[in-house]
Amino acid sequence: MDKYVSWMAGLRILSGSVEILAALLMLRLGRVDRALAVNSALALVGPTVLILTTTIGLSGMARELSPGKLAWVFIGVACLLFGILKK
């Protein structure tokens, strides 16, 4: 298995585990205000994992892509992040 795929999958497993632990914490806290605070903290996890996994994947493919195609990928990722993080 490719080391880049292993790192990407590992980050996604870690991210999913954090989400599950947050859900269990919300149930344990049992109050809407506290659950909302936990949920707000999770807002940082998703985009961070997206950026990290994309960076790892692109570094694994950088040798295979032409500079033009690599630029299009970066433009696409920038559009995704703009759409996700735009308030």
C-alpha atoms as a PDB file:
ATOM      1  CA  MET A   1       0.000   0.000   0.000  1.00  0.00           C
ATOM      2  CA  ASP A   2       1.184   3.501  -0.809  1.00  0.00           C
ATOM      3  CA  LYS A   3       2.450   5.456   2.203  1.00  0.00           C
ATOM      4  CA  TYR A   4       0.482   8.535   1.133  1.00  0.00           C
ATOM      5  CA  VAL A   5      -2.758   6.543   1.079  1.00  0.00           C
ATOM      6  CA  SER A   6      -1.964   5.152   4.525  1.00  0.00           C
ATOM      7  CA  TRP A   7      -1.414   8.649   5.938  1.00  0.00           C
ATOM      8  CA  MET A   8      -4.589   9.983   4.322  1.00  0.00           C
ATOM      9  CA  ALA A   9      -6.666   7.070   5.618  1.00  0.00           C
ATOM     10  CA  GLY A  10      -5.113   7.377   9.065  1.00  0.00           C
ATOM     11  CA  LEU A  11      -6.052  11.042   9.274  1.00  0.00           C
ATOM     12  CA  ARG A  12      -9.620  10.249   8.234  1.00  0.00           C
ATOM     13  CA  ILE A  13      -9.857   7.485  10.850  1.00  0.00           C
ATOM     14  CA  LEU A  14      -8.548   9.915  13.479  1.00  0.00           C
ATOM     15  CA  SER A  15     -11.035  12.549  12.342  1.00  0.00           C
ATOM     16  CA  GLY A  16     -13.919  10.091  12.515  1.00  0.00           C
ATOM     17  CA  SER A  17     -12.852   9.003  15.978  1.00  0.00           C
ATOM     18  CA  VAL A  18     -12.844  12.614  17.149  1.00  0.00           C
ATOM     19  CA  GLU A  19     -16.367  13.042  15.737  1.00  0.00           C
ATOM     20  CA  ILE A  20     -17.621   9.934  17.562  1.00  0.00           C
ATOM     21  CA  LEU A  21     -15.992  11.010  20.825  1.00  0.00           C
ATOM     22  CA  ALA A  22     -17.565  14.455  20.456  1.00  0.00           C
ATOM     23  CA  ALA A  23     -21.004  12.888  19.959  1.00  0.00           C
ATOM     24  CA  LEU A  24     -20.546  10.766  23.077  1.00  0.00           C
ATOM     25  CA  LEU A  25     -19.405  13.841  25.001  1.00  0.00           C
ATOM     26  CA  MET A  26     -22.517  15.723  23.868  1.00  0.00           C
ATOM     27  CA  LEU A  27     -24.702  12.891  25.150  1.00  0.00           C
ATOM     28  CA  ARG A  28     -22.841  12.830  28.449  1.00  0.00           C
ATOM     29  CA  LEU A  29     -23.096  16.606  28.925  1.00  0.00           C
ATOM     30  CA  GLY A  30     -26.841  16.444  28.261  1.00  0.00           C
ATOM     31  CA  ARG A  31     -27.331  20.191  27.760  1.00  0.00           C
ATOM     32  CA  VAL A  32     -27.887  22.030  24.513  1.00  0.00           C
ATOM     33  CA  ASP A  33     -25.527  24.904  25.306  1.00  0.00           C
ATOM     34  CA  ARG A  34     -22.639  22.591  26.130  1.00  0.00           C
ATOM     35  CA  ALA A  35     -23.340  20.319  23.174  1.00  0.00           C
ATOM     36  CA  LEU A  36     -23.328  23.368  20.931  1.00  0.00           C
ATOM     37  CA  ALA A  37     -19.920  24.364  22.317  1.00  0.00           C
ATOM     38  CA  VAL A  38     -18.556  20.888  21.524  1.00  0.00           C
ATOM     39  CA  ASN A  39     -20.077  21.089  18.044  1.00  0.00           C
ATOM     40  CA  SER A  40     -18.481  24.483  17.477  1.00  0.00           C
ATOM     41  CA  ALA A  41     -15.072  23.088  18.373  1.00  0.00           C
ATOM     42  CA  LEU A  42     -15.585  20.405  15.713  1.00  0.00           C
ATOM     43  CA  ALA A  43     -15.918  23.132  13.092  1.00  0.00           C
ATOM     44  CA  LEU A  44     -12.122  23.396  13.151  1.00  0.00           C
ATOM     45  CA  VAL A  45     -11.518  19.674  12.708  1.00  0.00           C
ATOM     46  CA  GLY A  46     -13.251  19.182   9.340  1.00  0.00           C
ATOM     47  CA  PRO A  47     -11.460  21.841   7.279  1.00  0.00           C
ATOM     48  CA  THR A  48      -8.139  21.055   8.950  1.00  0.00           C
ATOM     49  CA  VAL A  49      -8.388  17.377   8.025  1.00  0.00           C
ATOM     50  CA  LEU A  50      -9.483  18.325   4.493  1.00  0.00           C
ATOM     51  CA  ILE A  51      -6.421  20.547   4.044  1.00  0.00           C
ATOM     52  CA  LEU A  52      -4.034  17.974   5.514  1.00  0.00           C
ATOM     53  CA  THR A  53      -5.334  15.001   3.513  1.00  0.00           C
ATOM     54  CA  THR A  54      -5.378  17.059   0.304  1.00  0.00           C
ATOM     55  CA  THR A  55      -1.822  18.222   0.942  1.00  0.00           C
ATOM     56  CA  ILE A  56      -0.641  14.664   1.537  1.00  0.00           C
ATOM     57  CA  GLY A  57      -2.427  13.428  -1.583  1.00  0.00           C
ATOM     58  CA  LEU A  58      -1.036  16.212  -3.737  1.00  0.00           C
ATOM     59  CA  SER A  59       2.481  15.659  -2.463  1.00  0.00           C
ATOM     60  CA  GLY A  60       2.117  12.012  -3.467  1.00  0.00           C
ATOM     61  CA  MET A  61       0.905  12.952  -6.946  1.00  0.00           C
ATOM     62  CA  ALA A  62       3.136  15.985  -7.556  1.00  0.00           C
ATOM     63  CA  ARG A  63       5.639  14.016  -9.609  1.00  0.00           C
ATOM     64  CA  GLU A  64       2.881  12.633 -11.856  1.00  0.00           C
ATOM     65  CA  LEU A  65       1.043  15.893 -12.592  1.00  0.00           C
ATOM     66  CA  SER A  66       2.089  18.603 -14.987  1.00  0.00           C
ATOM     67  CA  PRO A  67       2.392  22.112 -13.510  1.00  0.00           C
ATOM     68  CA  GLY A  68      -0.800  23.160 -15.313  1.00  0.00           C
ATOM     69  CA  LYS A  69      -2.841  20.294 -13.882  1.00  0.00           C
ATOM     70  CA  LEU A  70      -1.386  20.894 -10.442  1.00  0.00           C
ATOM     71  CA  ALA A  71      -2.452  24.542 -10.672  1.00  0.00           C
ATOM     72  CA  TRP A  72      -6.021  23.461 -11.529  1.00  0.00           C
ATOM     73  CA  VAL A  73      -6.069  21.170  -8.501  1.00  0.00           C
ATOM     74  CA  PHE A  74      -4.936  24.017  -6.236  1.00  0.00           C
ATOM     75  CA  ILE A  75      -7.590  26.299  -7.736  1.00  0.00           C
ATOM     76  CA  GLY A  76     -10.231  23.633  -7.038  1.00  0.00           C
ATOM     77  CA  VAL A  77      -9.105  23.185  -3.443  1.00  0.00           C
ATOM     78  CA  ALA A  78      -9.088  26.961  -2.970  1.00  0.00           C
ATOM     79  CA  CYS A  79     -12.676  27.122  -4.267  1.00  0.00           C
ATOM     80  CA  LEU A  80     -13.716  24.353  -1.858  1.00  0.00           C
ATOM     81  CA  LEU A  81     -12.130  26.093   1.101  1.00  0.00           C
ATOM     82  CA  PHE A  82     -13.638  29.435   0.078  1.00  0.00           C
ATOM     83  CA  GLY A  83     -17.073  27.820  -0.102  1.00  0.00           C
ATOM     84  CA  ILE A  84     -16.698  26.026   3.212  1.00  0.00           C
ATOM     85  CA  LEU A  85     -15.141  28.829   5.224  1.00  0.00           C
ATOM     86  CA  LYS A  86     -17.047  31.779   3.729  1.00  0.00           C
ATOM     87  CA  LYS A  87     -19.389  33.249   6.331  1.00  0.00           C
END
